[in-house]
Amino acid sequence: MREWGATVNAARRRQASSDDAPPLAAPSLILSGPNGAGKTALARVIHWSMVDTVLDEDGRPIPDMVIPCGRWFTATDLLGALAQERDSDGYTHSAAPGQLAGSAPFVIIDDVAAELTIPYVAYQAQEGERQTRYHLFLDWCVRNNMPVVITTNLAAAGDDSDLARHVGPRAWSRLMQMCPRGYIVSLWSVPDYRRRLGGRA
């Protein structure tokens, strides 16, 4: 993860140094493992590893004005935000991925596969709608060099993996483009820390 953070920071510095510099695509990262392996905890460390802060008149950071640079979504919130809505004039529209990501250097999607039922979508259409929304968002991320950090309790090893089937072939293809070899991290051998805290391991 240190290598991932260094690459993202290099991409940010390159973009800040020159508007004419060709974009440097930072890799995406998938954290796959069982409940209690620490996936979300690691994602929060990543989230807070890059912060924006407000300085006082002496150039010192104001402690209460420090916020993470990245955008954090649970999978449920992200899919819900990509839903189509009807405005007061009767036009149907959905939140554009770019509006959700903004100018953040990266996006975190937590708990992929723990999504709730998508509201106002028929039961038989849930899978297709979920895969369409993931494709919509990840396709925008590919085109705009936006790295994504995903946590999931689905296995993510290969095109026949549970995660590949969950997000669908189009979204998975883009994830494979975004995640170079070595950036799908398996935590399946990590014991459940909650059981240890409860004295059961």
C-alpha atoms as a PDB file:
ATOM      1  CA  MET A   1       0.000   0.000   0.000  1.00  0.00           C
ATOM      2  CA  ARG A   2       2.986   2.296   0.465  1.00  0.00           C
ATOM      3  CA  GLU A   3       3.806   1.748  -3.208  1.00  0.00           C
ATOM      4  CA  TRP A   4       0.214   2.589  -4.151  1.00  0.00           C
ATOM      5  CA  GLY A   5       0.284   5.797  -2.095  1.00  0.00           C
ATOM      6  CA  ALA A   6       3.623   6.849  -3.579  1.00  0.00           C
ATOM      7  CA  THR A   7       2.258   6.375  -7.093  1.00  0.00           C
ATOM      8  CA  VAL A   8      -0.887   8.386  -6.366  1.00  0.00           C
ATOM      9  CA  ASN A   9       1.185  11.196  -4.818  1.00  0.00           C
ATOM     10  CA  ALA A  10       3.495  11.209  -7.842  1.00  0.00           C
ATOM     11  CA  ALA A  11       0.484  11.572 -10.116  1.00  0.00           C
ATOM     12  CA  ARG A  12      -0.832  14.476  -8.021  1.00  0.00           C
ATOM     13  CA  ARG A  13       2.529  16.270  -8.041  1.00  0.00           C
ATOM     14  CA  ARG A  14       2.851  15.853 -11.783  1.00  0.00           C
ATOM     15  CA  GLN A  15      -0.611  17.277 -12.357  1.00  0.00           C
ATOM     16  CA  ALA A  16       0.043  20.207 -10.001  1.00  0.00           C
ATOM     17  CA  SER A  17       3.408  21.059 -11.554  1.00  0.00           C
ATOM     18  CA  SER A  18       2.142  21.548 -15.100  1.00  0.00           C
ATOM     19  CA  ASP A  19      -1.252  21.721 -16.750  1.00  0.00           C
ATOM     20  CA  ASP A  20       0.359  20.516 -19.977  1.00  0.00           C
ATOM     21  CA  ALA A  21       1.873  17.359 -18.478  1.00  0.00           C
ATOM     22  CA  PRO A  22       0.272  14.161 -19.779  1.00  0.00           C
ATOM     23  CA  PRO A  23      -1.776  12.480 -17.043  1.00  0.00           C
ATOM     24  CA  LEU A  24      -0.074   9.779 -15.017  1.00  0.00           C
ATOM     25  CA  ALA A  25      -2.532   6.982 -14.315  1.00  0.00           C
ATOM     26  CA  ALA A  26      -2.238   5.862 -10.703  1.00  0.00           C
ATOM     27  CA  PRO A  27      -3.225   2.218 -10.069  1.00  0.00           C
ATOM     28  CA  SER A  28      -6.414   1.128  -8.389  1.00  0.00           C
ATOM     29  CA  LEU A  29      -6.450  -1.261  -5.445  1.00  0.00           C
ATOM     30  CA  ILE A  30      -8.773  -4.106  -4.406  1.00  0.00           C
ATOM     31  CA  LEU A  31      -8.770  -5.363  -0.797  1.00  0.00           C
ATOM     32  CA  SER A  32     -10.472  -8.761  -0.700  1.00  0.00           C
ATOM     33  CA  GLY A  33     -11.033 -10.820   2.426  1.00  0.00           C
ATOM     34  CA  PRO A  34     -13.460 -12.160   5.025  1.00  0.00           C
ATOM     35  CA  ASN A  35     -15.312 -10.188   7.677  1.00  0.00           C
ATOM     36  CA  GLY A  36     -13.005  -8.874  10.381  1.00  0.00           C
ATOM     37  CA  ALA A  37      -9.838  -8.977   8.286  1.00  0.00           C
ATOM     38  CA  GLY A  38      -9.396  -5.198   8.535  1.00  0.00           C
ATOM     39  CA  LYS A  39     -10.312  -4.189   4.974  1.00  0.00           C
ATOM     40  CA  THR A  40     -12.317  -1.131   5.968  1.00  0.00           C
ATOM     41  CA  ALA A  41      -9.713  -0.170   8.590  1.00  0.00           C
ATOM     42  CA  LEU A  42      -7.001  -0.253   5.912  1.00  0.00           C
ATOM     43  CA  ALA A  43      -9.221   1.764   3.573  1.00  0.00           C
ATOM     44  CA  ARG A  44      -9.673   4.409   6.277  1.00  0.00           C
ATOM     45  CA  VAL A  45      -5.906   4.626   6.718  1.00  0.00           C
ATOM     46  CA  ILE A  46      -5.615   5.190   2.963  1.00  0.00           C
ATOM     47  CA  HIS A  47      -8.429   7.736   3.101  1.00  0.00           C
ATOM     48  CA  TRP A  48      -6.654   9.791   5.759  1.00  0.00           C
ATOM     49  CA  SER A  49      -3.188   9.360   4.243  1.00  0.00           C
ATOM     50  CA  MET A  50      -3.799  12.364   1.986  1.00  0.00           C
ATOM     51  CA  VAL A  51      -5.460  15.385   3.544  1.00  0.00           C
ATOM     52  CA  ASP A  52      -6.303  18.979   2.766  1.00  0.00           C
ATOM     53  CA  THR A  53      -5.840  21.472   5.560  1.00  0.00           C
ATOM     54  CA  VAL A  54      -6.464  25.143   6.247  1.00  0.00           C
ATOM     55  CA  LEU A  55      -3.467  27.145   7.498  1.00  0.00           C
ATOM     56  CA  ASP A  56      -3.579  29.961   9.996  1.00  0.00           C
ATOM     57  CA  GLU A  57      -1.885  33.318   9.419  1.00  0.00           C
ATOM     58  CA  ASP A  58       1.435  31.836  10.588  1.00  0.00           C
ATOM     59  CA  GLY A  59       1.233  28.964   8.110  1.00  0.00           C
ATOM     60  CA  ARG A  60       0.394  26.330  10.703  1.00  0.00           C
ATOM     61  CA  PRO A  61      -2.352  23.732  10.090  1.00  0.00           C
ATOM     62  CA  ILE A  62      -5.610  24.317  11.963  1.00  0.00           C
ATOM     63  CA  PRO A  63      -6.360  20.921  13.579  1.00  0.00           C
ATOM     64  CA  ASP A  64     -10.149  21.109  13.166  1.00  0.00           C
ATOM     65  CA  MET A  65      -9.832  22.056   9.481  1.00  0.00           C
ATOM     66  CA  VAL A  66      -8.121  18.889   8.215  1.00  0.00           C
ATOM     67  CA  ILE A  67     -10.174  16.724   5.851  1.00  0.00           C
ATOM     68  CA  PRO A  68      -9.317  13.738   3.627  1.00  0.00           C
ATOM     69  CA  CYS A  69      -8.693  14.472  -0.042  1.00  0.00           C
ATOM     70  CA  GLY A  70     -10.290  11.274  -1.302  1.00  0.00           C
ATOM     71  CA  ARG A  71     -13.996  10.557  -1.649  1.00  0.00           C
ATOM     72  CA  TRP A  72     -15.511   7.776   0.461  1.00  0.00           C
ATOM     73  CA  PHE A  73     -18.627   5.861  -0.556  1.00  0.00           C
ATOM     74  CA  THR A  74     -20.198   2.722   0.728  1.00  0.00           C
ATOM     75  CA  ALA A  75     -21.248   0.578  -2.206  1.00  0.00           C
ATOM     76  CA  THR A  76     -24.886   1.115  -1.219  1.00  0.00           C
ATOM     77  CA  ASP A  77     -24.517   4.915  -1.218  1.00  0.00           C
ATOM     78  CA  LEU A  78     -22.661   4.965  -4.536  1.00  0.00           C
ATOM     79  CA  LEU A  79     -25.229   2.857  -6.368  1.00  0.00           C
ATOM     80  CA  GLY A  80     -28.027   4.922  -4.861  1.00  0.00           C
ATOM     81  CA  ALA A  81     -26.399   8.184  -5.957  1.00  0.00           C
ATOM     82  CA  LEU A  82     -26.201   6.879  -9.522  1.00  0.00           C
ATOM     83  CA  ALA A  83     -29.972   6.328  -9.614  1.00  0.00           C
ATOM     84  CA  GLN A  84     -32.124   8.153 -12.098  1.00  0.00           C
ATOM     85  CA  GLU A  85     -34.422  10.806 -10.677  1.00  0.00           C
ATOM     86  CA  ARG A  86     -37.246  12.827 -12.160  1.00  0.00           C
ATOM     87  CA  ASP A  87     -37.004  16.588 -11.684  1.00  0.00           C
ATOM     88  CA  SER A  88     -39.869  19.079 -11.341  1.00  0.00           C
ATOM     89  CA  ASP A  89     -40.061  19.484 -15.131  1.00  0.00           C
ATOM     90  CA  GLY A  90     -40.489  15.761 -15.654  1.00  0.00           C
ATOM     91  CA  TYR A  91     -37.001  15.111 -17.036  1.00  0.00           C
ATOM     92  CA  THR A  92     -35.178  11.990 -15.867  1.00  0.00           C
ATOM     93  CA  HIS A  93     -31.493  12.287 -14.977  1.00  0.00           C
ATOM     94  CA  SER A  94     -28.880  10.649 -12.767  1.00  0.00           C
ATOM     95  CA  ALA A  95     -25.885  11.977 -10.865  1.00  0.00           C
ATOM     96  CA  ALA A  96     -22.882  11.980 -13.169  1.00  0.00           C
ATOM     97  CA  PRO A  97     -19.857  10.051 -11.857  1.00  0.00           C
ATOM     98  CA  GLY A  98     -17.788  13.194 -12.242  1.00  0.00           C
ATOM     99  CA  GLN A  99     -20.111  15.066  -9.895  1.00  0.00           C
ATOM    100  CA  LEU A 100     -19.699  12.347  -7.286  1.00  0.00           C
ATOM    101  CA  ALA A 101     -15.912  12.074  -7.571  1.00  0.00           C
ATOM    102  CA  GLY A 102     -15.290  15.801  -7.945  1.00  0.00           C
ATOM    103  CA  SER A 103     -11.627  16.787  -7.938  1.00  0.00           C
ATOM    104  CA  ALA A 104     -10.596  14.098  -5.457  1.00  0.00           C
ATOM    105  CA  PRO A 105      -7.307  12.275  -6.177  1.00  0.00           C
ATOM    106  CA  PHE A 106      -8.960   8.883  -5.566  1.00  0.00           C
ATOM    107  CA  VAL A 107     -12.264   7.258  -4.633  1.00  0.00           C
ATOM    108  CA  ILE A 108     -12.914   4.539  -2.054  1.00  0.00           C
ATOM    109  CA  ILE A 109     -15.858   2.150  -2.472  1.00  0.00           C
ATOM    110  CA  ASP A 110     -16.369   0.210   0.746  1.00  0.00           C
ATOM    111  CA  ASP A 111     -18.229  -3.085   1.146  1.00  0.00           C
ATOM    112  CA  VAL A 112     -18.834  -4.044  -2.457  1.00  0.00           C
ATOM    113  CA  ALA A 113     -21.245  -7.003  -2.310  1.00  0.00           C
ATOM    114  CA  ALA A 114     -22.931  -5.699   0.840  1.00  0.00           C
ATOM    115  CA  GLU A 115     -25.237  -3.430  -1.166  1.00  0.00           C
ATOM    116  CA  LEU A 116     -28.852  -3.175  -0.200  1.00  0.00           C
ATOM    117  CA  THR A 117     -31.628  -3.655  -2.711  1.00  0.00           C
ATOM    118  CA  ILE A 118     -31.614  -0.787  -5.202  1.00  0.00           C
ATOM    119  CA  PRO A 119     -34.805   1.226  -4.610  1.00  0.00           C
ATOM    120  CA  TYR A 120     -37.469   1.365  -7.316  1.00  0.00           C
ATOM    121  CA  VAL A 121     -35.856  -1.432  -9.334  1.00  0.00           C
ATOM    122  CA  ALA A 122     -37.780  -4.658  -9.868  1.00  0.00           C
ATOM    123  CA  TYR A 123     -36.317  -7.745  -8.218  1.00  0.00           C
ATOM    124  CA  GLN A 124     -35.560  -9.472 -11.520  1.00  0.00           C
ATOM    125  CA  ALA A 125     -33.726  -6.358 -12.764  1.00  0.00           C
ATOM    126  CA  GLN A 126     -31.553  -5.834  -9.665  1.00  0.00           C
ATOM    127  CA  GLU A 127     -28.466  -7.675 -10.930  1.00  0.00           C
ATOM    128  CA  GLY A 128     -28.430  -5.985 -14.323  1.00  0.00           C
ATOM    129  CA  GLU A 129     -29.019  -2.548 -12.813  1.00  0.00           C
ATOM    130  CA  ARG A 130     -26.233  -3.050 -10.251  1.00  0.00           C
ATOM    131  CA  GLN A 131     -23.769  -4.078 -12.942  1.00  0.00           C
ATOM    132  CA  THR A 132     -24.789  -1.179 -15.172  1.00  0.00           C
ATOM    133  CA  ARG A 133     -24.193   1.353 -12.418  1.00  0.00           C
ATOM    134  CA  TYR A 134     -20.784  -0.099 -11.543  1.00  0.00           C
ATOM    135  CA  HIS A 135     -19.834  -0.016 -15.218  1.00  0.00           C
ATOM    136  CA  LEU A 136     -21.008   3.596 -15.535  1.00  0.00           C
ATOM    137  CA  PHE A 137     -18.879   4.725 -12.598  1.00  0.00           C
ATOM    138  CA  LEU A 138     -15.747   2.669 -13.314  1.00  0.00           C
ATOM    139  CA  ASP A 139     -15.789   3.598 -16.997  1.00  0.00           C
ATOM    140  CA  TRP A 140     -15.691   7.275 -15.993  1.00  0.00           C
ATOM    141  CA  CYS A 141     -12.811   6.523 -13.601  1.00  0.00           C
ATOM    142  CA  VAL A 142     -10.812   4.842 -16.384  1.00  0.00           C
ATOM    143  CA  ARG A 143     -11.359   7.722 -18.789  1.00  0.00           C
ATOM    144  CA  ASN A 144     -10.371  10.303 -16.173  1.00  0.00           C
ATOM    145  CA  ASN A 145      -7.418   8.444 -14.583  1.00  0.00           C
ATOM    146  CA  MET A 146      -9.225   8.266 -11.256  1.00  0.00           C
ATOM    147  CA  PRO A 147      -7.833   5.465  -9.048  1.00  0.00           C
ATOM    148  CA  VAL A 148     -10.337   3.484  -7.030  1.00  0.00           C
ATOM    149  CA  VAL A 149      -9.864   1.556  -3.781  1.00  0.00           C
ATOM    150  CA  ILE A 150     -12.410  -1.251  -3.335  1.00  0.00           C
ATOM    151  CA  THR A 151     -13.052  -3.358  -0.251  1.00  0.00           C
ATOM    152  CA  THR A 152     -15.076  -6.544  -0.603  1.00  0.00           C
ATOM    153  CA  ASN A 153     -15.728  -9.856   1.105  1.00  0.00           C
ATOM    154  CA  LEU A 154     -15.884 -11.555  -2.294  1.00  0.00           C
ATOM    155  CA  ALA A 155     -12.958 -13.460  -3.766  1.00  0.00           C
ATOM    156  CA  ALA A 156     -11.288 -11.376  -6.482  1.00  0.00           C
ATOM    157  CA  ALA A 157      -8.823 -13.819  -8.048  1.00  0.00           C
ATOM    158  CA  GLY A 158      -9.563 -14.146 -11.743  1.00  0.00           C
ATOM    159  CA  ASP A 159     -12.252 -13.559 -14.328  1.00  0.00           C
ATOM    160  CA  ASP A 160     -14.445 -16.290 -12.797  1.00  0.00           C
ATOM    161  CA  SER A 161     -14.183 -14.838  -9.293  1.00  0.00           C
ATOM    162  CA  ASP A 162     -17.179 -13.888  -7.204  1.00  0.00           C
ATOM    163  CA  LEU A 163     -16.321 -10.192  -7.505  1.00  0.00           C
ATOM    164  CA  ALA A 164     -16.084 -10.401 -11.305  1.00  0.00           C
ATOM    165  CA  ARG A 165     -19.547 -11.960 -11.480  1.00  0.00           C
ATOM    166  CA  HIS A 166     -20.945  -9.443  -8.989  1.00  0.00           C
ATOM    167  CA  VAL A 167     -19.891  -6.263 -10.824  1.00  0.00           C
ATOM    168  CA  GLY A 168     -20.391  -7.756 -14.288  1.00  0.00           C
ATOM    169  CA  PRO A 169     -18.000  -8.332 -17.214  1.00  0.00           C
ATOM    170  CA  ARG A 170     -17.856  -4.720 -18.407  1.00  0.00           C
ATOM    171  CA  ALA A 171     -17.042  -3.279 -14.981  1.00  0.00           C
ATOM    172  CA  TRP A 172     -14.609  -6.130 -14.261  1.00  0.00           C
ATOM    173  CA  SER A 173     -12.753  -5.508 -17.522  1.00  0.00           C
ATOM    174  CA  ARG A 174     -12.196  -1.921 -16.474  1.00  0.00           C
ATOM    175  CA  LEU A 175     -11.047  -2.974 -13.019  1.00  0.00           C
ATOM    176  CA  MET A 176      -8.488  -5.270 -14.623  1.00  0.00           C
ATOM    177  CA  GLN A 177      -7.224  -2.309 -16.645  1.00  0.00           C
ATOM    178  CA  MET A 178      -7.037  -0.134 -13.524  1.00  0.00           C
ATOM    179  CA  CYS A 179      -5.451  -2.717 -11.189  1.00  0.00           C
ATOM    180  CA  PRO A 180      -1.984  -3.866 -12.346  1.00  0.00           C
ATOM    181  CA  ARG A 181      -0.668  -7.204 -11.195  1.00  0.00           C
ATOM    182  CA  GLY A 182       0.000  -7.080  -7.468  1.00  0.00           C
ATOM    183  CA  TYR A 183      -2.749  -4.548  -6.658  1.00  0.00           C
ATOM    184  CA  ILE A 184      -5.428  -7.103  -5.794  1.00  0.00           C
ATOM    185  CA  VAL A 185      -4.634  -7.815  -2.160  1.00  0.00           C
ATOM    186  CA  SER A 186      -5.914 -11.043  -0.622  1.00  0.00           C
ATOM    187  CA  LEU A 187      -6.600 -10.951   3.134  1.00  0.00           C
ATOM    188  CA  TRP A 188      -8.269 -14.355   3.269  1.00  0.00           C
ATOM    189  CA  SER A 189      -5.632 -15.787   5.608  1.00  0.00           C
ATOM    190  CA  VAL A 190      -6.063 -12.972   8.129  1.00  0.00           C
ATOM    191  CA  PRO A 191      -8.030 -14.031  11.239  1.00  0.00           C
ATOM    192  CA  ASP A 192     -11.106 -12.098  12.353  1.00  0.00           C
ATOM    193  CA  TYR A 193      -9.812  -9.424  14.731  1.00  0.00           C
ATOM    194  CA  ARG A 194     -13.283  -8.992  16.226  1.00  0.00           C
ATOM    195  CA  ARG A 195     -13.165 -12.584  17.455  1.00  0.00           C
ATOM    196  CA  ARG A 196      -9.770 -11.886  19.013  1.00  0.00           C
ATOM    197  CA  LEU A 197     -11.113  -8.749  20.714  1.00  0.00           C
ATOM    198  CA  GLY A 198     -13.973 -10.848  22.065  1.00  0.00           C
ATOM    199  CA  GLY A 199     -11.561 -13.432  23.440  1.00  0.00           C
ATOM    200  CA  ARG A 200     -12.701 -16.171  21.037  1.00  0.00           C
ATOM    201  CA  ALA A 201      -9.474 -16.708  19.110  1.00  0.00           C
END
